[in-house]
Amino acid sequence: MKACFLVLLTLVAVALADDEVAMMKEVVEVEKFLKEDPLGVKIFEQLQDLLAILRQARQRLRQCLADYLKNLPE
């Protein structure tokens, strides 16, 4: 029984390791696309702009919330 369990765990570990290798290859491909391909570079720049806009919106929202909380009657 223990041997079967050990074999099962070994098979699961090997399967997960294969999945991790495949996933890492996909991540490398996407990273290469975003750095080297002209379209990928444009997409990356647009994502950076979007993140900057979201940061500004988050700061404004926090400031509005802080002002609102300061003006609440006790």
PDB file of N, CA and C in Angstrom:
ATOM      1  N   MET A   1       0.826  -1.192   0.000  1.00  0.00           N
ATOM      2  CA  MET A   1       0.000   0.000   0.000  1.00  0.00           C
ATOM      3  C   MET A   1       0.871   1.256   0.000  1.00  0.00           C
ATOM      4  N   LYS A   2       1.899   1.258   0.861  1.00  0.00           N
ATOM      5  CA  LYS A   2       2.775   2.424   0.926  1.00  0.00           C
ATOM      6  C   LYS A   2       3.544   2.603  -0.374  1.00  0.00           C
ATOM      7  N   ALA A   3       3.926   1.497  -0.989  1.00  0.00           N
ATOM      8  CA  ALA A   3       4.671   1.569  -2.252  1.00  0.00           C
ATOM      9  C   ALA A   3       3.800   2.155  -3.356  1.00  0.00           C
ATOM     10  N   CYS A   4       2.529   1.768  -3.393  1.00  0.00           N
ATOM     11  CA  CYS A   4       1.608   2.317  -4.399  1.00  0.00           C
ATOM     12  C   CYS A   4       1.435   3.818  -4.204  1.00  0.00           C
ATOM     13  N   PHE A   5       1.319   4.224  -2.961  1.00  0.00           N
ATOM     14  CA  PHE A   5       1.162   5.645  -2.655  1.00  0.00           C
ATOM     15  C   PHE A   5       2.405   6.421  -3.072  1.00  0.00           C
ATOM     16  N   LEU A   6       3.577   5.845  -2.814  1.00  0.00           N
ATOM     17  CA  LEU A   6       4.834   6.483  -3.198  1.00  0.00           C
ATOM     18  C   LEU A   6       4.951   6.601  -4.715  1.00  0.00           C
ATOM     19  N   VAL A   7       4.562   5.558  -5.429  1.00  0.00           N
ATOM     20  CA  VAL A   7       4.595   5.584  -6.897  1.00  0.00           C
ATOM     21  C   VAL A   7       3.623   6.637  -7.423  1.00  0.00           C
ATOM     22  N   LEU A   8       2.447   6.708  -6.837  1.00  0.00           N
ATOM     23  CA  LEU A   8       1.458   7.702  -7.247  1.00  0.00           C
ATOM     24  C   LEU A   8       1.983   9.116  -7.036  1.00  0.00           C
ATOM     25  N   LEU A   9       2.580   9.373  -5.882  1.00  0.00           N
ATOM     26  CA  LEU A   9       3.147  10.697  -5.613  1.00  0.00           C
ATOM     27  C   LEU A   9       4.272  11.028  -6.587  1.00  0.00           C
ATOM     28  N   THR A  10       5.070  10.035  -6.931  1.00  0.00           N
ATOM     29  CA  THR A  10       6.157  10.243  -7.892  1.00  0.00           C
ATOM     30  C   THR A  10       5.599  10.614  -9.259  1.00  0.00           C
ATOM     31  N   LEU A  11       4.573   9.914  -9.697  1.00  0.00           N
ATOM     32  CA  LEU A  11       3.954  10.220 -10.990  1.00  0.00           C
ATOM     33  C   LEU A  11       3.357  11.625 -11.004  1.00  0.00           C
ATOM     34  N   VAL A  12       2.714  12.004  -9.920  1.00  0.00           N
ATOM     35  CA  VAL A  12       2.138  13.349  -9.828  1.00  0.00           C
ATOM     36  C   VAL A  12       3.244  14.394  -9.867  1.00  0.00           C
ATOM     37  N   ALA A  13       4.334  14.157  -9.165  1.00  0.00           N
ATOM     38  CA  ALA A  13       5.447  15.108  -9.149  1.00  0.00           C
ATOM     39  C   ALA A  13       6.056  15.261 -10.537  1.00  0.00           C
ATOM     40  N   VAL A  14       6.204  14.173 -11.257  1.00  0.00           N
ATOM     41  CA  VAL A  14       6.761  14.230 -12.616  1.00  0.00           C
ATOM     42  C   VAL A  14       5.812  14.983 -13.539  1.00  0.00           C
ATOM     43  N   ALA A  15       4.526  14.731 -13.416  1.00  0.00           N
ATOM     44  CA  ALA A  15       3.542  15.421 -14.254  1.00  0.00           C
ATOM     45  C   ALA A  15       3.558  16.920 -13.976  1.00  0.00           C
ATOM     46  N   LEU A  16       3.645  17.292 -12.704  1.00  0.00           N
ATOM     47  CA  LEU A  16       3.696  18.712 -12.355  1.00  0.00           C
ATOM     48  C   LEU A  16       4.970  19.361 -12.862  1.00  0.00           C
ATOM     49  N   ALA A  17       6.074  18.654 -12.805  1.00  0.00           N
ATOM     50  CA  ALA A  17       7.338  19.197 -13.301  1.00  0.00           C
ATOM     51  C   ALA A  17       7.259  19.437 -14.806  1.00  0.00           C
ATOM     52  N   ASP A  18       6.636  18.520 -15.536  1.00  0.00           N
ATOM     53  CA  ASP A  18       6.465  18.705 -16.979  1.00  0.00           C
ATOM     54  C   ASP A  18       5.586  19.917 -17.266  1.00  0.00           C
ATOM     55  N   ASP A  19       4.529  20.103 -16.477  1.00  0.00           N
ATOM     56  CA  ASP A  19       3.659  21.260 -16.650  1.00  0.00           C
ATOM     57  C   ASP A  19       4.415  22.551 -16.378  1.00  0.00           C
ATOM     58  N   GLU A  20       5.280  22.554 -15.367  1.00  0.00           N
ATOM     59  CA  GLU A  20       6.050  23.750 -15.045  1.00  0.00           C
ATOM     60  C   GLU A  20       7.004  24.109 -16.178  1.00  0.00           C
ATOM     61  N   VAL A  21       7.620  23.116 -16.783  1.00  0.00           N
ATOM     62  CA  VAL A  21       8.538  23.367 -17.897  1.00  0.00           C
ATOM     63  C   VAL A  21       7.771  23.965 -19.069  1.00  0.00           C
ATOM     64  N   ALA A  22       6.616  23.400 -19.380  1.00  0.00           N
ATOM     65  CA  ALA A  22       5.802  23.921 -20.481  1.00  0.00           C
ATOM     66  C   ALA A  22       5.353  25.346 -20.180  1.00  0.00           C
ATOM     67  N   MET A  23       4.966  25.602 -18.945  1.00  0.00           N
ATOM     68  CA  MET A  23       4.520  26.939 -18.560  1.00  0.00           C
ATOM     69  C   MET A  23       5.671  27.936 -18.660  1.00  0.00           C
ATOM     70  N   MET A  24       6.852  27.549 -18.232  1.00  0.00           N
ATOM     71  CA  MET A  24       8.006  28.446 -18.309  1.00  0.00           C
ATOM     72  C   MET A  24       8.350  28.759 -19.761  1.00  0.00           C
ATOM     73  N   LYS A  25       8.218  27.781 -20.654  1.00  0.00           N
ATOM     74  CA  LYS A  25       8.474  28.021 -22.072  1.00  0.00           C
ATOM     75  C   LYS A  25       7.484  29.044 -22.625  1.00  0.00           C
ATOM     76  N   GLU A  26       6.221  28.941 -22.229  1.00  0.00           N
ATOM     77  CA  GLU A  26       5.215  29.894 -22.690  1.00  0.00           C
ATOM     78  C   GLU A  26       5.505  31.291 -22.161  1.00  0.00           C
ATOM     79  N   VAL A  27       5.911  31.384 -20.909  1.00  0.00           N
ATOM     80  CA  VAL A  27       6.237  32.684 -20.327  1.00  0.00           C
ATOM     81  C   VAL A  27       7.412  33.313 -21.064  1.00  0.00           C
ATOM     82  N   VAL A  28       8.414  32.524 -21.386  1.00  0.00           N
ATOM     83  CA  VAL A  28       9.579  33.032 -22.114  1.00  0.00           C
ATOM     84  C   VAL A  28       9.169  33.509 -23.505  1.00  0.00           C
ATOM     85  N   GLU A  29       8.284  32.777 -24.166  1.00  0.00           N
ATOM     86  CA  GLU A  29       7.817  33.180 -25.490  1.00  0.00           C
ATOM     87  C   GLU A  29       7.074  34.510 -25.437  1.00  0.00           C
ATOM     88  N   VAL A  30       6.208  34.680 -24.445  1.00  0.00           N
ATOM     89  CA  VAL A  30       5.466  35.935 -24.310  1.00  0.00           C
ATOM     90  C   VAL A  30       6.423  37.077 -23.998  1.00  0.00           C
ATOM     91  N   GLU A  31       7.364  36.838 -23.104  1.00  0.00           N
ATOM     92  CA  GLU A  31       8.346  37.868 -22.757  1.00  0.00           C
ATOM     93  C   GLU A  31       9.163  38.272 -23.979  1.00  0.00           C
ATOM     94  N   LYS A  32       9.575  37.298 -24.765  1.00  0.00           N
ATOM     95  CA  LYS A  32      10.338  37.580 -25.986  1.00  0.00           C
ATOM     96  C   LYS A  32       9.491  38.389 -26.963  1.00  0.00           C
ATOM     97  N   PHE A  33       8.223  38.037 -27.103  1.00  0.00           N
ATOM     98  CA  PHE A  33       7.316  38.775 -27.985  1.00  0.00           C
ATOM     99  C   PHE A  33       7.194  40.225 -27.547  1.00  0.00           C
ATOM    100  N   LEU A  34       7.021  40.456 -26.242  1.00  0.00           N
ATOM    101  CA  LEU A  34       6.834  41.819 -25.745  1.00  0.00           C
ATOM    102  C   LEU A  34       8.103  42.655 -25.843  1.00  0.00           C
ATOM    103  N   LYS A  35       9.263  42.030 -25.889  1.00  0.00           N
ATOM    104  CA  LYS A  35      10.520  42.774 -25.953  1.00  0.00           C
ATOM    105  C   LYS A  35      11.052  42.948 -27.368  1.00  0.00           C
ATOM    106  N   GLU A  36      10.805  41.984 -28.258  1.00  0.00           N
ATOM    107  CA  GLU A  36      11.459  41.993 -29.562  1.00  0.00           C
ATOM    108  C   GLU A  36      10.533  42.324 -30.727  1.00  0.00           C
ATOM    109  N   ASP A  37       9.310  41.870 -30.693  1.00  0.00           N
ATOM    110  CA  ASP A  37       8.387  42.087 -31.803  1.00  0.00           C
ATOM    111  C   ASP A  37       7.861  43.527 -31.768  1.00  0.00           C
ATOM    112  N   PRO A  38       7.795  44.223 -32.902  1.00  0.00           N
ATOM    113  CA  PRO A  38       7.299  45.608 -32.910  1.00  0.00           C
ATOM    114  C   PRO A  38       5.879  45.734 -32.349  1.00  0.00           C
ATOM    115  N   LEU A  39       5.010  44.806 -32.703  1.00  0.00           N
ATOM    116  CA  LEU A  39       3.658  44.841 -32.159  1.00  0.00           C
ATOM    117  C   LEU A  39       3.677  44.579 -30.653  1.00  0.00           C
ATOM    118  N   GLY A  40       4.507  43.655 -30.218  1.00  0.00           N
ATOM    119  CA  GLY A  40       4.628  43.368 -28.793  1.00  0.00           C
ATOM    120  C   GLY A  40       5.135  44.563 -28.013  1.00  0.00           C
ATOM    121  N   VAL A  41       6.075  45.306 -28.597  1.00  0.00           N
ATOM    122  CA  VAL A  41       6.599  46.510 -27.938  1.00  0.00           C
ATOM    123  C   VAL A  41       5.487  47.543 -27.790  1.00  0.00           C
ATOM    124  N   LYS A  42       4.660  47.706 -28.825  1.00  0.00           N
ATOM    125  CA  LYS A  42       3.544  48.662 -28.752  1.00  0.00           C
ATOM    126  C   LYS A  42       2.534  48.235 -27.693  1.00  0.00           C
ATOM    127  N   ILE A  43       2.245  46.947 -27.642  1.00  0.00           N
ATOM    128  CA  ILE A  43       1.319  46.438 -26.628  1.00  0.00           C
ATOM    129  C   ILE A  43       1.882  46.697 -25.238  1.00  0.00           C
ATOM    130  N   PHE A  44       3.170  46.455 -25.052  1.00  0.00           N
ATOM    131  CA  PHE A  44       3.807  46.678 -23.755  1.00  0.00           C
ATOM    132  C   PHE A  44       3.720  48.152 -23.355  1.00  0.00           C
ATOM    133  N   GLU A  45       3.963  49.052 -24.316  1.00  0.00           N
ATOM    134  CA  GLU A  45       3.875  50.485 -24.024  1.00  0.00           C
ATOM    135  C   GLU A  45       2.450  50.873 -23.635  1.00  0.00           C
ATOM    136  N   GLN A  46       1.461  50.328 -24.334  1.00  0.00           N
ATOM    137  CA  GLN A  46       0.069  50.622 -24.007  1.00  0.00           C
ATOM    138  C   GLN A  46      -0.285  50.110 -22.607  1.00  0.00           C
ATOM    139  N   LEU A  47       0.217  48.944 -22.260  1.00  0.00           N
ATOM    140  CA  LEU A  47      -0.035  48.410 -20.918  1.00  0.00           C
ATOM    141  C   LEU A  47       0.609  49.283 -19.846  1.00  0.00           C
ATOM    142  N   GLN A  48       1.802  49.807 -20.132  1.00  0.00           N
ATOM    143  CA  GLN A  48       2.463  50.696 -19.178  1.00  0.00           C
ATOM    144  C   GLN A  48       1.646  51.971 -18.990  1.00  0.00           C
ATOM    145  N   ASP A  49       1.122  52.529 -20.093  1.00  0.00           N
ATOM    146  CA  ASP A  49       0.273  53.719 -20.003  1.00  0.00           C
ATOM    147  C   ASP A  49      -0.992  53.428 -19.202  1.00  0.00           C
ATOM    148  N   LEU A  50      -1.593  52.275 -19.454  1.00  0.00           N
ATOM    149  CA  LEU A  50      -2.799  51.897 -18.724  1.00  0.00           C
ATOM    150  C   LEU A  50      -2.518  51.774 -17.232  1.00  0.00           C
ATOM    151  N   LEU A  51      -1.394  51.175 -16.881  1.00  0.00           N
ATOM    152  CA  LEU A  51      -1.039  51.043 -15.464  1.00  0.00           C
ATOM    153  C   LEU A  51      -0.827  52.403 -14.816  1.00  0.00           C
ATOM    154  N   ALA A  52      -0.228  53.343 -15.542  1.00  0.00           N
ATOM    155  CA  ALA A  52      -0.029  54.690 -15.007  1.00  0.00           C
ATOM    156  C   ALA A  52      -1.374  55.372 -14.777  1.00  0.00           C
ATOM    157  N   ILE A  53      -2.304  55.218 -15.706  1.00  0.00           N
ATOM    158  CA  ILE A  53      -3.643  55.802 -15.554  1.00  0.00           C
ATOM    159  C   ILE A  53      -4.351  55.191 -14.356  1.00  0.00           C
ATOM    160  N   LEU A  54      -4.247  53.883 -14.201  1.00  0.00           N
ATOM    161  CA  LEU A  54      -4.889  53.215 -13.065  1.00  0.00           C
ATOM    162  C   LEU A  54      -4.286  53.660 -11.737  1.00  0.00           C
ATOM    163  N   ARG A  55      -2.964  53.894 -11.701  1.00  0.00           N
ATOM    164  CA  ARG A  55      -2.333  54.392 -10.471  1.00  0.00           C
ATOM    165  C   ARG A  55      -2.873  55.772 -10.116  1.00  0.00           C
ATOM    166  N   GLN A  56      -3.005  56.644 -11.120  1.00  0.00           N
ATOM    167  CA  GLN A  56      -3.531  57.987 -10.872  1.00  0.00           C
ATOM    168  C   GLN A  56      -4.972  57.923 -10.385  1.00  0.00           C
ATOM    169  N   ALA A  57      -5.787  57.077 -10.994  1.00  0.00           N
ATOM    170  CA  ALA A  57      -7.180  56.934 -10.577  1.00  0.00           C
ATOM    171  C   ALA A  57      -7.258  56.422  -9.146  1.00  0.00           C
ATOM    172  N   ARG A  58      -6.396  55.492  -8.811  1.00  0.00           N
ATOM    173  CA  ARG A  58      -6.380  54.950  -7.447  1.00  0.00           C
ATOM    174  C   ARG A  58      -5.998  56.022  -6.439  1.00  0.00           C
ATOM    175  N   GLN A  59      -5.007  56.852  -6.778  1.00  0.00           N
ATOM    176  CA  GLN A  59      -4.605  57.936  -5.878  1.00  0.00           C
ATOM    177  C   GLN A  59      -5.737  58.939  -5.696  1.00  0.00           C
ATOM    178  N   ARG A  60      -6.410  59.286  -6.792  1.00  0.00           N
ATOM    179  CA  ARG A  60      -7.527  60.237  -6.700  1.00  0.00           C
ATOM    180  C   ARG A  60      -8.662  59.666  -5.864  1.00  0.00           C
ATOM    181  N   LEU A  61      -8.958  58.398  -6.061  1.00  0.00           N
ATOM    182  CA  LEU A  61     -10.018  57.756  -5.289  1.00  0.00           C
ATOM    183  C   LEU A  61      -9.673  57.740  -3.807  1.00  0.00           C
ATOM    184  N   ARG A  62      -8.444  57.427  -3.481  1.00  0.00           N
ATOM    185  CA  ARG A  62      -8.025  57.428  -2.074  1.00  0.00           C
ATOM    186  C   ARG A  62      -8.108  58.825  -1.473  1.00  0.00           C
ATOM    187  N   GLN A  63      -7.720  59.835  -2.260  1.00  0.00           N
ATOM    188  CA  GLN A  63      -7.778  61.208  -1.765  1.00  0.00           C
ATOM    189  C   GLN A  63      -9.224  61.634  -1.530  1.00  0.00           C
ATOM    190  N   CYS A  64     -10.111  61.302  -2.457  1.00  0.00           N
ATOM    191  CA  CYS A  64     -11.529  61.631  -2.283  1.00  0.00           C
ATOM    192  C   CYS A  64     -12.108  60.921  -1.063  1.00  0.00           C
ATOM    193  N   LEU A  65     -11.747  59.682  -0.871  1.00  0.00           N
ATOM    194  CA  LEU A  65     -12.223  58.937   0.288  1.00  0.00           C
ATOM    195  C   LEU A  65     -11.690  59.546   1.579  1.00  0.00           C
ATOM    196  N   ALA A  66     -10.426  59.951   1.578  1.00  0.00           N
ATOM    197  CA  ALA A  66      -9.846  60.581   2.768  1.00  0.00           C
ATOM    198  C   ALA A  66     -10.547  61.897   3.073  1.00  0.00           C
ATOM    199  N   ASP A  67     -10.813  62.704   2.057  1.00  0.00           N
ATOM    200  CA  ASP A  67     -11.526  63.968   2.264  1.00  0.00           C
ATOM    201  C   ASP A  67     -12.932  63.723   2.792  1.00  0.00           C
ATOM    202  N   TYR A  68     -13.607  62.737   2.249  1.00  0.00           N
ATOM    203  CA  TYR A  68     -14.956  62.412   2.691  1.00  0.00           C
ATOM    204  C   TYR A  68     -14.955  61.978   4.152  1.00  0.00           C
ATOM    205  N   LEU A  69     -14.003  61.134   4.522  1.00  0.00           N
ATOM    206  CA  LEU A  69     -13.950  60.650   5.899  1.00  0.00           C
ATOM    207  C   LEU A  69     -13.596  61.760   6.877  1.00  0.00           C
ATOM    208  N   LYS A  70     -12.779  62.730   6.446  1.00  0.00           N
ATOM    209  CA  LYS A  70     -12.438  63.854   7.318  1.00  0.00           C
ATOM    210  C   LYS A  70     -13.643  64.744   7.570  1.00  0.00           C
ATOM    211  N   ASN A  71     -14.530  64.852   6.594  1.00  0.00           N
ATOM    212  CA  ASN A  71     -15.677  65.752   6.700  1.00  0.00           C
ATOM    213  C   ASN A  71     -16.916  65.097   7.292  1.00  0.00           C
ATOM    214  N   LEU A  72     -16.839  63.853   7.684  1.00  0.00           N
ATOM    215  CA  LEU A  72     -17.988  63.196   8.305  1.00  0.00           C
ATOM    216  C   LEU A  72     -18.237  63.779   9.692  1.00  0.00           C
ATOM    217  N   PRO A  73     -19.502  64.047  10.011  1.00  0.00           N
ATOM    218  CA  PRO A  73     -19.786  64.513  11.381  1.00  0.00           C
ATOM    219  C   PRO A  73     -19.633  63.352  12.365  1.00  0.00           C
ATOM    220  N   GLU A  74     -19.180  63.689  13.536  1.00  0.00           N
ATOM    221  CA  GLU A  74     -18.979  62.634  14.542  1.00  0.00           C
ATOM    222  C   GLU A  74     -20.196  62.403  15.366  1.00  0.00           C
TER     223      GLU A  74
END
